[in-house]
Amino acid sequence: LIEMEAERFLEEAVRRLCVKWIVVGKDFRFGHNR
């Protein structure tokens, strides 16, 4: 997960969790190298 690129992580998360809404803080960072 640390080395997963942000785009792939997002795609996987949306698919695996059946996401219809995403709620995050303004400073939220994710994916490889944030």
PDB file of all heavy atoms in Angstrom:
ATOM      1  N   LEU A   1       0.817  -1.213   0.000  1.00  0.00           N
ATOM      2  CA  LEU A   1       0.000   0.000   0.000  1.00  0.00           C
ATOM      3  C   LEU A   1       0.852   1.266   0.000  1.00  0.00           C
ATOM      4  O   LEU A   1       0.494   2.261  -0.631  1.00  0.00           O
ATOM      5  CB  LEU A   1      -0.932  -0.007   1.213  1.00  0.00           C
ATOM      6  CG  LEU A   1      -2.205  -0.855   1.067  1.00  0.00           C
ATOM      7  CD1 LEU A   1      -2.975  -0.895   2.367  1.00  0.00           C
ATOM      8  CD2 LEU A   1      -3.087  -0.335  -0.055  1.00  0.00           C
ATOM      9  N   ILE A   2       1.986   1.224   0.687  1.00  0.00           N
ATOM     10  CA  ILE A   2       2.869   2.388   0.729  1.00  0.00           C
ATOM     11  C   ILE A   2       3.328   2.766  -0.680  1.00  0.00           C
ATOM     12  O   ILE A   2       3.412   3.949  -1.035  1.00  0.00           O
ATOM     13  CB  ILE A   2       4.098   2.108   1.620  1.00  0.00           C
ATOM     14  CG1 ILE A   2       3.674   1.940   3.082  1.00  0.00           C
ATOM     15  CG2 ILE A   2       5.130   3.231   1.500  1.00  0.00           C
ATOM     16  CD1 ILE A   2       4.787   1.478   3.989  1.00  0.00           C
ATOM     17  N   GLU A   3       3.632   1.756  -1.506  1.00  0.00           N
ATOM     18  CA  GLU A   3       4.183   2.001  -2.834  1.00  0.00           C
ATOM     19  C   GLU A   3       3.122   2.084  -3.928  1.00  0.00           C
ATOM     20  O   GLU A   3       3.457   2.273  -5.098  1.00  0.00           O
ATOM     21  CB  GLU A   3       5.195   0.911  -3.177  1.00  0.00           C
ATOM     22  CG  GLU A   3       6.409   0.925  -2.241  1.00  0.00           C
ATOM     23  CD  GLU A   3       7.458  -0.090  -2.616  1.00  0.00           C
ATOM     24  OE1 GLU A   3       7.160  -0.957  -3.479  1.00  0.00           O
ATOM     25  OE2 GLU A   3       8.571  -0.039  -2.054  1.00  0.00           O
ATOM     26  N   MET A   4       1.845   1.955  -3.568  1.00  0.00           N
ATOM     27  CA  MET A   4       0.781   2.014  -4.567  1.00  0.00           C
ATOM     28  C   MET A   4       0.582   3.459  -5.024  1.00  0.00           C
ATOM     29  O   MET A   4       0.449   4.371  -4.204  1.00  0.00           O
ATOM     30  CB  MET A   4      -0.524   1.454  -3.994  1.00  0.00           C
ATOM     31  CG  MET A   4      -1.626   1.315  -5.028  1.00  0.00           C
ATOM     32  SD  MET A   4      -3.150   0.607  -4.323  1.00  0.00           S
ATOM     33  CE  MET A   4      -2.604  -1.079  -3.955  1.00  0.00           C
ATOM     34  N   GLU A   5       0.589   3.672  -6.325  1.00  0.00           N
ATOM     35  CA  GLU A   5       0.376   5.016  -6.857  1.00  0.00           C
ATOM     36  C   GLU A   5      -1.020   5.513  -6.499  1.00  0.00           C
ATOM     37  O   GLU A   5      -1.970   4.729  -6.393  1.00  0.00           O
ATOM     38  CB  GLU A   5       0.571   5.039  -8.367  1.00  0.00           C
ATOM     39  CG  GLU A   5       2.010   4.806  -8.808  1.00  0.00           C
ATOM     40  CD  GLU A   5       2.960   5.889  -8.305  1.00  0.00           C
ATOM     41  OE1 GLU A   5       2.492   7.029  -8.078  1.00  0.00           O
ATOM     42  OE2 GLU A   5       4.159   5.588  -8.135  1.00  0.00           O
ATOM     43  N   ALA A   6      -1.141   6.810  -6.321  1.00  0.00           N
ATOM     44  CA  ALA A   6      -2.392   7.399  -5.849  1.00  0.00           C
ATOM     45  C   ALA A   6      -3.572   7.051  -6.762  1.00  0.00           C
ATOM     46  O   ALA A   6      -4.667   6.739  -6.284  1.00  0.00           O
ATOM     47  CB  ALA A   6      -2.241   8.915  -5.734  1.00  0.00           C
ATOM     48  N   GLU A   7      -3.341   7.109  -8.076  1.00  0.00           N
ATOM     49  CA  GLU A   7      -4.432   6.837  -9.025  1.00  0.00           C
ATOM     50  C   GLU A   7      -4.951   5.408  -8.876  1.00  0.00           C
ATOM     51  O   GLU A   7      -6.164   5.165  -8.901  1.00  0.00           O
ATOM     52  CB  GLU A   7      -3.960   7.065 -10.461  1.00  0.00           C
ATOM     53  CG  GLU A   7      -3.674   8.522 -10.812  1.00  0.00           C
ATOM     54  CD  GLU A   7      -2.238   8.930 -10.463  1.00  0.00           C
ATOM     55  OE1 GLU A   7      -1.535   8.140  -9.790  1.00  0.00           O
ATOM     56  OE2 GLU A   7      -1.831  10.035 -10.867  1.00  0.00           O
ATOM     57  N   ARG A   8      -4.015   4.462  -8.715  1.00  0.00           N
ATOM     58  CA  ARG A   8      -4.439   3.067  -8.575  1.00  0.00           C
ATOM     59  C   ARG A   8      -5.150   2.850  -7.248  1.00  0.00           C
ATOM     60  O   ARG A   8      -6.160   2.139  -7.174  1.00  0.00           O
ATOM     61  CB  ARG A   8      -3.245   2.124  -8.693  1.00  0.00           C
ATOM     62  CG  ARG A   8      -3.688   0.661  -8.682  1.00  0.00           C
ATOM     63  CD  ARG A   8      -2.551  -0.310  -8.597  1.00  0.00           C
ATOM     64  NE  ARG A   8      -3.046  -1.617  -8.190  1.00  0.00           N
ATOM     65  CZ  ARG A   8      -2.319  -2.554  -7.615  1.00  0.00           C
ATOM     66  NH1 ARG A   8      -1.035  -2.341  -7.386  1.00  0.00           N
ATOM     67  NH2 ARG A   8      -2.832  -3.716  -7.285  1.00  0.00           N
ATOM     68  N   PHE A   9      -4.620   3.442  -6.182  1.00  0.00           N
ATOM     69  CA  PHE A   9      -5.264   3.289  -4.877  1.00  0.00           C
ATOM     70  C   PHE A   9      -6.697   3.809  -4.930  1.00  0.00           C
ATOM     71  O   PHE A   9      -7.626   3.170  -4.433  1.00  0.00           O
ATOM     72  CB  PHE A   9      -4.489   4.029  -3.796  1.00  0.00           C
ATOM     73  CG  PHE A   9      -5.193   4.036  -2.462  1.00  0.00           C
ATOM     74  CD1 PHE A   9      -5.148   2.937  -1.625  1.00  0.00           C
ATOM     75  CD2 PHE A   9      -5.940   5.145  -2.061  1.00  0.00           C
ATOM     76  CE1 PHE A   9      -5.824   2.935  -0.405  1.00  0.00           C
ATOM     77  CE2 PHE A   9      -6.618   5.153  -0.852  1.00  0.00           C
ATOM     78  CZ  PHE A   9      -6.555   4.045  -0.021  1.00  0.00           C
ATOM     79  N   LEU A  10      -6.884   4.959  -5.552  1.00  0.00           N
ATOM     80  CA  LEU A  10      -8.224   5.530  -5.645  1.00  0.00           C
ATOM     81  C   LEU A  10      -9.148   4.608  -6.421  1.00  0.00           C
ATOM     82  O   LEU A  10     -10.276   4.334  -5.984  1.00  0.00           O
ATOM     83  CB  LEU A  10      -8.155   6.904  -6.315  1.00  0.00           C
ATOM     84  CG  LEU A  10      -9.486   7.602  -6.576  1.00  0.00           C
ATOM     85  CD1 LEU A  10     -10.263   7.797  -5.280  1.00  0.00           C
ATOM     86  CD2 LEU A  10      -9.254   8.936  -7.279  1.00  0.00           C
ATOM     87  N   GLU A  11      -8.686   4.120  -7.560  1.00  0.00           N
ATOM     88  CA  GLU A  11      -9.505   3.214  -8.367  1.00  0.00           C
ATOM     89  C   GLU A  11      -9.887   1.966  -7.581  1.00  0.00           C
ATOM     90  O   GLU A  11     -11.051   1.534  -7.588  1.00  0.00           O
ATOM     91  CB  GLU A  11      -8.738   2.814  -9.630  1.00  0.00           C
ATOM     92  CG  GLU A  11      -9.513   1.861 -10.535  1.00  0.00           C
ATOM     93  CD  GLU A  11      -8.713   1.434 -11.744  1.00  0.00           C
ATOM     94  OE1 GLU A  11      -7.508   1.775 -11.823  1.00  0.00           O
ATOM     95  OE2 GLU A  11      -9.288   0.759 -12.610  1.00  0.00           O
ATOM     96  N   GLU A  12      -8.900   1.382  -6.882  1.00  0.00           N
ATOM     97  CA  GLU A  12      -9.163   0.159  -6.106  1.00  0.00           C
ATOM     98  C   GLU A  12     -10.120   0.432  -4.955  1.00  0.00           C
ATOM     99  O   GLU A  12     -11.039  -0.354  -4.690  1.00  0.00           O
ATOM    100  CB  GLU A  12      -7.839  -0.396  -5.567  1.00  0.00           C
ATOM    101  CG  GLU A  12      -6.901  -0.947  -6.623  1.00  0.00           C
ATOM    102  CD  GLU A  12      -7.335  -2.309  -7.127  1.00  0.00           C
ATOM    103  OE1 GLU A  12      -7.968  -3.057  -6.357  1.00  0.00           O
ATOM    104  OE2 GLU A  12      -7.063  -2.613  -8.304  1.00  0.00           O
ATOM    105  N   ALA A  13      -9.919   1.538  -4.257  1.00  0.00           N
ATOM    106  CA  ALA A  13     -10.765   1.849  -3.108  1.00  0.00           C
ATOM    107  C   ALA A  13     -12.211   2.069  -3.526  1.00  0.00           C
ATOM    108  O   ALA A  13     -13.143   1.554  -2.888  1.00  0.00           O
ATOM    109  CB  ALA A  13     -10.226   3.080  -2.376  1.00  0.00           C
ATOM    110  N   VAL A  14     -12.405   2.818  -4.613  1.00  0.00           N
ATOM    111  CA  VAL A  14     -13.762   3.086  -5.086  1.00  0.00           C
ATOM    112  C   VAL A  14     -14.454   1.789  -5.483  1.00  0.00           C
ATOM    113  O   VAL A  14     -15.626   1.558  -5.155  1.00  0.00           O
ATOM    114  CB  VAL A  14     -13.740   4.081  -6.261  1.00  0.00           C
ATOM    115  CG1 VAL A  14     -15.115   4.170  -6.914  1.00  0.00           C
ATOM    116  CG2 VAL A  14     -13.296   5.457  -5.786  1.00  0.00           C
ATOM    117  N   ARG A  15     -13.712   0.925  -6.173  1.00  0.00           N
ATOM    118  CA  ARG A  15     -14.307  -0.335  -6.633  1.00  0.00           C
ATOM    119  C   ARG A  15     -14.591  -1.286  -5.478  1.00  0.00           C
ATOM    120  O   ARG A  15     -15.677  -1.860  -5.372  1.00  0.00           O
ATOM    121  CB  ARG A  15     -13.381  -1.004  -7.642  1.00  0.00           C
ATOM    122  CG  ARG A  15     -13.878  -2.365  -8.163  1.00  0.00           C
ATOM    123  CD  ARG A  15     -12.966  -2.918  -9.241  1.00  0.00           C
ATOM    124  NE  ARG A  15     -11.620  -3.165  -8.740  1.00  0.00           N
ATOM    125  CZ  ARG A  15     -11.268  -4.285  -8.096  1.00  0.00           C
ATOM    126  NH1 ARG A  15     -12.181  -5.229  -7.860  1.00  0.00           N
ATOM    127  NH2 ARG A  15     -10.026  -4.456  -7.703  1.00  0.00           N
ATOM    128  N   ARG A  16     -13.611  -1.449  -4.596  1.00  0.00           N
ATOM    129  CA  ARG A  16     -13.736  -2.437  -3.531  1.00  0.00           C
ATOM    130  C   ARG A  16     -14.740  -2.008  -2.455  1.00  0.00           C
ATOM    131  O   ARG A  16     -15.353  -2.867  -1.806  1.00  0.00           O
ATOM    132  CB  ARG A  16     -12.377  -2.694  -2.883  1.00  0.00           C
ATOM    133  CG  ARG A  16     -11.381  -3.384  -3.810  1.00  0.00           C
ATOM    134  CD  ARG A  16     -10.033  -3.577  -3.133  1.00  0.00           C
ATOM    135  NE  ARG A  16      -9.076  -4.194  -4.024  1.00  0.00           N
ATOM    136  CZ  ARG A  16      -8.972  -5.503  -4.262  1.00  0.00           C
ATOM    137  NH1 ARG A  16      -9.802  -6.327  -3.637  1.00  0.00           N
ATOM    138  NH2 ARG A  16      -8.073  -5.980  -5.097  1.00  0.00           N
ATOM    139  N   LEU A  17     -14.911  -0.704  -2.255  1.00  0.00           N
ATOM    140  CA  LEU A  17     -15.810  -0.233  -1.208  1.00  0.00           C
ATOM    141  C   LEU A  17     -17.109   0.343  -1.764  1.00  0.00           C
ATOM    142  O   LEU A  17     -17.889   0.932  -1.017  1.00  0.00           O
ATOM    143  CB  LEU A  17     -15.117   0.822  -0.331  1.00  0.00           C
ATOM    144  CG  LEU A  17     -14.164   0.271   0.727  1.00  0.00           C
ATOM    145  CD1 LEU A  17     -12.832  -0.136   0.129  1.00  0.00           C
ATOM    146  CD2 LEU A  17     -13.923   1.285   1.831  1.00  0.00           C
ATOM    147  N   CYS A  18     -17.354   0.170  -3.065  1.00  0.00           N
ATOM    148  CA  CYS A  18     -18.602   0.638  -3.681  1.00  0.00           C
ATOM    149  C   CYS A  18     -18.896   2.088  -3.318  1.00  0.00           C
ATOM    150  O   CYS A  18     -19.992   2.447  -2.850  1.00  0.00           O
ATOM    151  CB  CYS A  18     -19.785  -0.247  -3.262  1.00  0.00           C
ATOM    152  SG  CYS A  18     -19.610  -1.973  -3.727  1.00  0.00           S
ATOM    153  N   VAL A  19     -17.923   2.959  -3.543  1.00  0.00           N
ATOM    154  CA  VAL A  19     -17.986   4.328  -3.045  1.00  0.00           C
ATOM    155  C   VAL A  19     -18.858   5.219  -3.935  1.00  0.00           C
ATOM    156  O   VAL A  19     -18.668   5.276  -5.148  1.00  0.00           O
ATOM    157  CB  VAL A  19     -16.567   4.921  -2.951  1.00  0.00           C
ATOM    158  CG1 VAL A  19     -16.632   6.376  -2.508  1.00  0.00           C
ATOM    159  CG2 VAL A  19     -15.714   4.108  -1.979  1.00  0.00           C
ATOM    160  N   LYS A  20     -19.799   5.930  -3.308  1.00  0.00           N
ATOM    161  CA  LYS A  20     -20.631   6.912  -3.992  1.00  0.00           C
ATOM    162  C   LYS A  20     -20.365   8.336  -3.501  1.00  0.00           C
ATOM    163  O   LYS A  20     -20.690   9.299  -4.183  1.00  0.00           O
ATOM    164  CB  LYS A  20     -22.120   6.574  -3.791  1.00  0.00           C
ATOM    165  CG  LYS A  20     -22.510   5.203  -4.335  1.00  0.00           C
ATOM    166  CD  LYS A  20     -22.193   5.077  -5.825  1.00  0.00           C
ATOM    167  CE  LYS A  20     -22.544   3.698  -6.371  1.00  0.00           C
ATOM    168  NZ  LYS A  20     -22.091   3.529  -7.775  1.00  0.00           N
ATOM    169  N   TRP A  21     -19.821   8.459  -2.310  1.00  0.00           N
ATOM    170  CA  TRP A  21     -19.403   9.748  -1.750  1.00  0.00           C
ATOM    171  C   TRP A  21     -18.036   9.568  -1.108  1.00  0.00           C
ATOM    172  O   TRP A  21     -17.767   8.523  -0.499  1.00  0.00           O
ATOM    173  CB  TRP A  21     -20.374  10.241  -0.663  1.00  0.00           C
ATOM    174  CG  TRP A  21     -21.546  11.031  -1.156  1.00  0.00           C
ATOM    175  CD1 TRP A  21     -22.768  10.547  -1.522  1.00  0.00           C
ATOM    176  CD2 TRP A  21     -21.614  12.458  -1.317  1.00  0.00           C
ATOM    177  NE1 TRP A  21     -23.600  11.568  -1.908  1.00  0.00           N
ATOM    178  CE2 TRP A  21     -22.917  12.757  -1.784  1.00  0.00           C
ATOM    179  CE3 TRP A  21     -20.727  13.507  -1.115  1.00  0.00           C
ATOM    180  CZ2 TRP A  21     -23.341  14.048  -2.047  1.00  0.00           C
ATOM    181  CZ3 TRP A  21     -21.135  14.802  -1.371  1.00  0.00           C
ATOM    182  CH2 TRP A  21     -22.434  15.069  -1.839  1.00  0.00           C
ATOM    183  N   ILE A  22     -17.180  10.571  -1.218  1.00  0.00           N
ATOM    184  CA  ILE A  22     -15.923  10.592  -0.480  1.00  0.00           C
ATOM    185  C   ILE A  22     -15.893  11.874   0.346  1.00  0.00           C
ATOM    186  O   ILE A  22     -16.164  12.968  -0.169  1.00  0.00           O
ATOM    187  CB  ILE A  22     -14.698  10.530  -1.418  1.00  0.00           C
ATOM    188  CG1 ILE A  22     -14.651   9.173  -2.132  1.00  0.00           C
ATOM    189  CG2 ILE A  22     -13.406  10.772  -0.635  1.00  0.00           C
ATOM    190  CD1 ILE A  22     -13.466   9.024  -3.085  1.00  0.00           C
ATOM    191  N   VAL A  23     -15.580  11.729   1.617  1.00  0.00           N
ATOM    192  CA  VAL A  23     -15.509  12.849   2.554  1.00  0.00           C
ATOM    193  C   VAL A  23     -14.097  12.891   3.127  1.00  0.00           C
ATOM    194  O   VAL A  23     -13.651  11.929   3.761  1.00  0.00           O
ATOM    195  CB  VAL A  23     -16.527  12.681   3.699  1.00  0.00           C
ATOM    196  CG1 VAL A  23     -16.421  13.846   4.678  1.00  0.00           C
ATOM    197  CG2 VAL A  23     -17.943  12.556   3.157  1.00  0.00           C
ATOM    198  N   VAL A  24     -13.358  13.984   2.885  1.00  0.00           N
ATOM    199  CA  VAL A  24     -11.990  14.104   3.382  1.00  0.00           C
ATOM    200  C   VAL A  24     -11.732  15.511   3.896  1.00  0.00           C
ATOM    201  O   VAL A  24     -12.452  16.453   3.577  1.00  0.00           O
ATOM    202  CB  VAL A  24     -10.942  13.776   2.283  1.00  0.00           C
ATOM    203  CG1 VAL A  24     -11.023  12.317   1.868  1.00  0.00           C
ATOM    204  CG2 VAL A  24     -11.095  14.713   1.092  1.00  0.00           C
ATOM    205  N   GLY A  25     -10.673  15.640   4.688  1.00  0.00           N
ATOM    206  CA  GLY A  25     -10.205  16.949   5.106  1.00  0.00           C
ATOM    207  C   GLY A  25      -9.400  17.605   3.997  1.00  0.00           C
ATOM    208  O   GLY A  25      -8.885  16.935   3.090  1.00  0.00           O
ATOM    209  N   LYS A  26      -9.271  18.915   4.067  1.00  0.00           N
ATOM    210  CA  LYS A  26      -8.604  19.664   3.000  1.00  0.00           C
ATOM    211  C   LYS A  26      -7.133  19.300   2.874  1.00  0.00           C
ATOM    212  O   LYS A  26      -6.536  19.442   1.801  1.00  0.00           O
ATOM    213  CB  LYS A  26      -8.756  21.168   3.267  1.00  0.00           C
ATOM    214  CG  LYS A  26      -8.464  22.035   2.050  1.00  0.00           C
ATOM    215  CD  LYS A  26      -8.900  23.464   2.275  1.00  0.00           C
ATOM    216  CE  LYS A  26      -8.711  24.298   1.007  1.00  0.00           C
ATOM    217  NZ  LYS A  26      -9.170  25.696   1.218  1.00  0.00           N
ATOM    218  N   ASP A  27      -6.526  18.813   3.964  1.00  0.00           N
ATOM    219  CA  ASP A  27      -5.101  18.478   3.933  1.00  0.00           C
ATOM    220  C   ASP A  27      -4.847  16.996   3.694  1.00  0.00           C
ATOM    221  O   ASP A  27      -3.716  16.524   3.819  1.00  0.00           O
ATOM    222  CB  ASP A  27      -4.429  18.904   5.242  1.00  0.00           C
ATOM    223  CG  ASP A  27      -5.000  18.171   6.450  1.00  0.00           C
ATOM    224  OD1 ASP A  27      -6.096  17.591   6.328  1.00  0.00           O
ATOM    225  OD2 ASP A  27      -4.353  18.189   7.513  1.00  0.00           O
ATOM    226  N   PHE A  28      -5.870  16.240   3.324  1.00  0.00           N
ATOM    227  CA  PHE A  28      -5.716  14.798   3.130  1.00  0.00           C
ATOM    228  C   PHE A  28      -4.793  14.502   1.954  1.00  0.00           C
ATOM    229  O   PHE A  28      -4.920  15.092   0.888  1.00  0.00           O
ATOM    230  CB  PHE A  28      -7.086  14.149   2.897  1.00  0.00           C
ATOM    231  CG  PHE A  28      -7.013  12.693   2.531  1.00  0.00           C
ATOM    232  CD1 PHE A  28      -6.555  11.762   3.452  1.00  0.00           C
ATOM    233  CD2 PHE A  28      -7.382  12.254   1.264  1.00  0.00           C
ATOM    234  CE1 PHE A  28      -6.478  10.419   3.112  1.00  0.00           C
ATOM    235  CE2 PHE A  28      -7.314  10.923   0.917  1.00  0.00           C
ATOM    236  CZ  PHE A  28      -6.858   9.991   1.849  1.00  0.00           C
ATOM    237  N   ARG A  29      -3.846  13.576   2.165  1.00  0.00           N
ATOM    238  CA  ARG A  29      -2.934  13.132   1.114  1.00  0.00           C
ATOM    239  C   ARG A  29      -2.912  11.609   1.097  1.00  0.00           C
ATOM    240  O   ARG A  29      -3.068  10.959   2.138  1.00  0.00           O
ATOM    241  CB  ARG A  29      -1.510  13.660   1.356  1.00  0.00           C
ATOM    242  CG  ARG A  29      -1.403  15.170   1.494  1.00  0.00           C
ATOM    243  CD  ARG A  29      -1.887  15.891   0.253  1.00  0.00           C
ATOM    244  NE  ARG A  29      -0.967  15.715  -0.858  1.00  0.00           N
ATOM    245  CZ  ARG A  29      -0.029  16.588  -1.209  1.00  0.00           C
ATOM    246  NH1 ARG A  29       0.113  17.720  -0.492  1.00  0.00           N
ATOM    247  NH2 ARG A  29       0.748  16.383  -2.247  1.00  0.00           N
ATOM    248  N   PHE A  30      -2.669  11.036  -0.077  1.00  0.00           N
ATOM    249  CA  PHE A  30      -2.666   9.577  -0.181  1.00  0.00           C
ATOM    250  C   PHE A  30      -1.791   9.129  -1.353  1.00  0.00           C
ATOM    251  O   PHE A  30      -1.409   9.933  -2.219  1.00  0.00           O
ATOM    252  CB  PHE A  30      -4.089   9.046  -0.355  1.00  0.00           C
ATOM    253  CG  PHE A  30      -4.765   9.452  -1.646  1.00  0.00           C
ATOM    254  CD1 PHE A  30      -4.815   8.581  -2.731  1.00  0.00           C
ATOM    255  CD2 PHE A  30      -5.354  10.712  -1.793  1.00  0.00           C
ATOM    256  CE1 PHE A  30      -5.430   8.953  -3.917  1.00  0.00           C
ATOM    257  CE2 PHE A  30      -5.978  11.084  -2.974  1.00  0.00           C
ATOM    258  CZ  PHE A  30      -6.011  10.202  -4.044  1.00  0.00           C
ATOM    259  N   GLY A  31      -1.495   7.826  -1.374  1.00  0.00           N
ATOM    260  CA  GLY A  31      -0.721   7.249  -2.456  1.00  0.00           C
ATOM    261  C   GLY A  31       0.779   7.417  -2.276  1.00  0.00           C
ATOM    262  O   GLY A  31       1.261   8.070  -1.356  1.00  0.00           O
ATOM    263  N   HIS A  32       1.542   6.783  -3.178  1.00  0.00           N
ATOM    264  CA  HIS A  32       3.003   6.804  -3.134  1.00  0.00           C
ATOM    265  C   HIS A  32       3.516   8.248  -3.150  1.00  0.00           C
ATOM    266  O   HIS A  32       3.092   9.056  -3.983  1.00  0.00           O
ATOM    267  CB  HIS A  32       3.553   6.026  -4.327  1.00  0.00           C
ATOM    268  CG  HIS A  32       5.021   5.802  -4.261  1.00  0.00           C
ATOM    269  ND1 HIS A  32       5.844   5.894  -5.353  1.00  0.00           N
ATOM    270  CD2 HIS A  32       5.834   5.487  -3.216  1.00  0.00           C
ATOM    271  CE1 HIS A  32       7.093   5.657  -4.994  1.00  0.00           C
ATOM    272  NE2 HIS A  32       7.105   5.403  -3.702  1.00  0.00           N
ATOM    273  N   ASN A  33       4.407   8.543  -2.212  1.00  0.00           N
ATOM    274  CA  ASN A  33       4.972   9.888  -2.063  1.00  0.00           C
ATOM    275  C   ASN A  33       3.905  10.948  -1.795  1.00  0.00           C
ATOM    276  O   ASN A  33       4.122  12.130  -2.072  1.00  0.00           O
ATOM    277  CB  ASN A  33       5.805  10.278  -3.293  1.00  0.00           C
ATOM    278  CG  ASN A  33       7.075   9.465  -3.412  1.00  0.00           C
ATOM    279  OD1 ASN A  33       7.656   9.065  -2.407  1.00  0.00           O
ATOM    280  ND2 ASN A  33       7.511   9.214  -4.634  1.00  0.00           N
ATOM    281  N   ARG A  34       2.741  10.510  -1.320  1.00  0.00           N
ATOM    282  CA  ARG A  34       1.651  11.425  -0.950  1.00  0.00           C
ATOM    283  C   ARG A  34       1.229  12.326  -2.114  1.00  0.00           C
ATOM    284  O   ARG A  34       0.885  13.485  -1.934  1.00  0.00           O
ATOM    285  CB  ARG A  34       2.089  12.288   0.253  1.00  0.00           C
ATOM    286  CG  ARG A  34       2.297  11.485   1.516  1.00  0.00           C
ATOM    287  CD  ARG A  34       2.982  12.276   2.638  1.00  0.00           C
ATOM    288  NE  ARG A  34       2.334  13.546   2.906  1.00  0.00           N
ATOM    289  CZ  ARG A  34       1.294  13.722   3.713  1.00  0.00           C
ATOM    290  NH1 ARG A  34       0.778  12.668   4.325  1.00  0.00           N
ATOM    291  NH2 ARG A  34       0.784  14.921   3.918  1.00  0.00           N
TER     292      ARG A  34
END
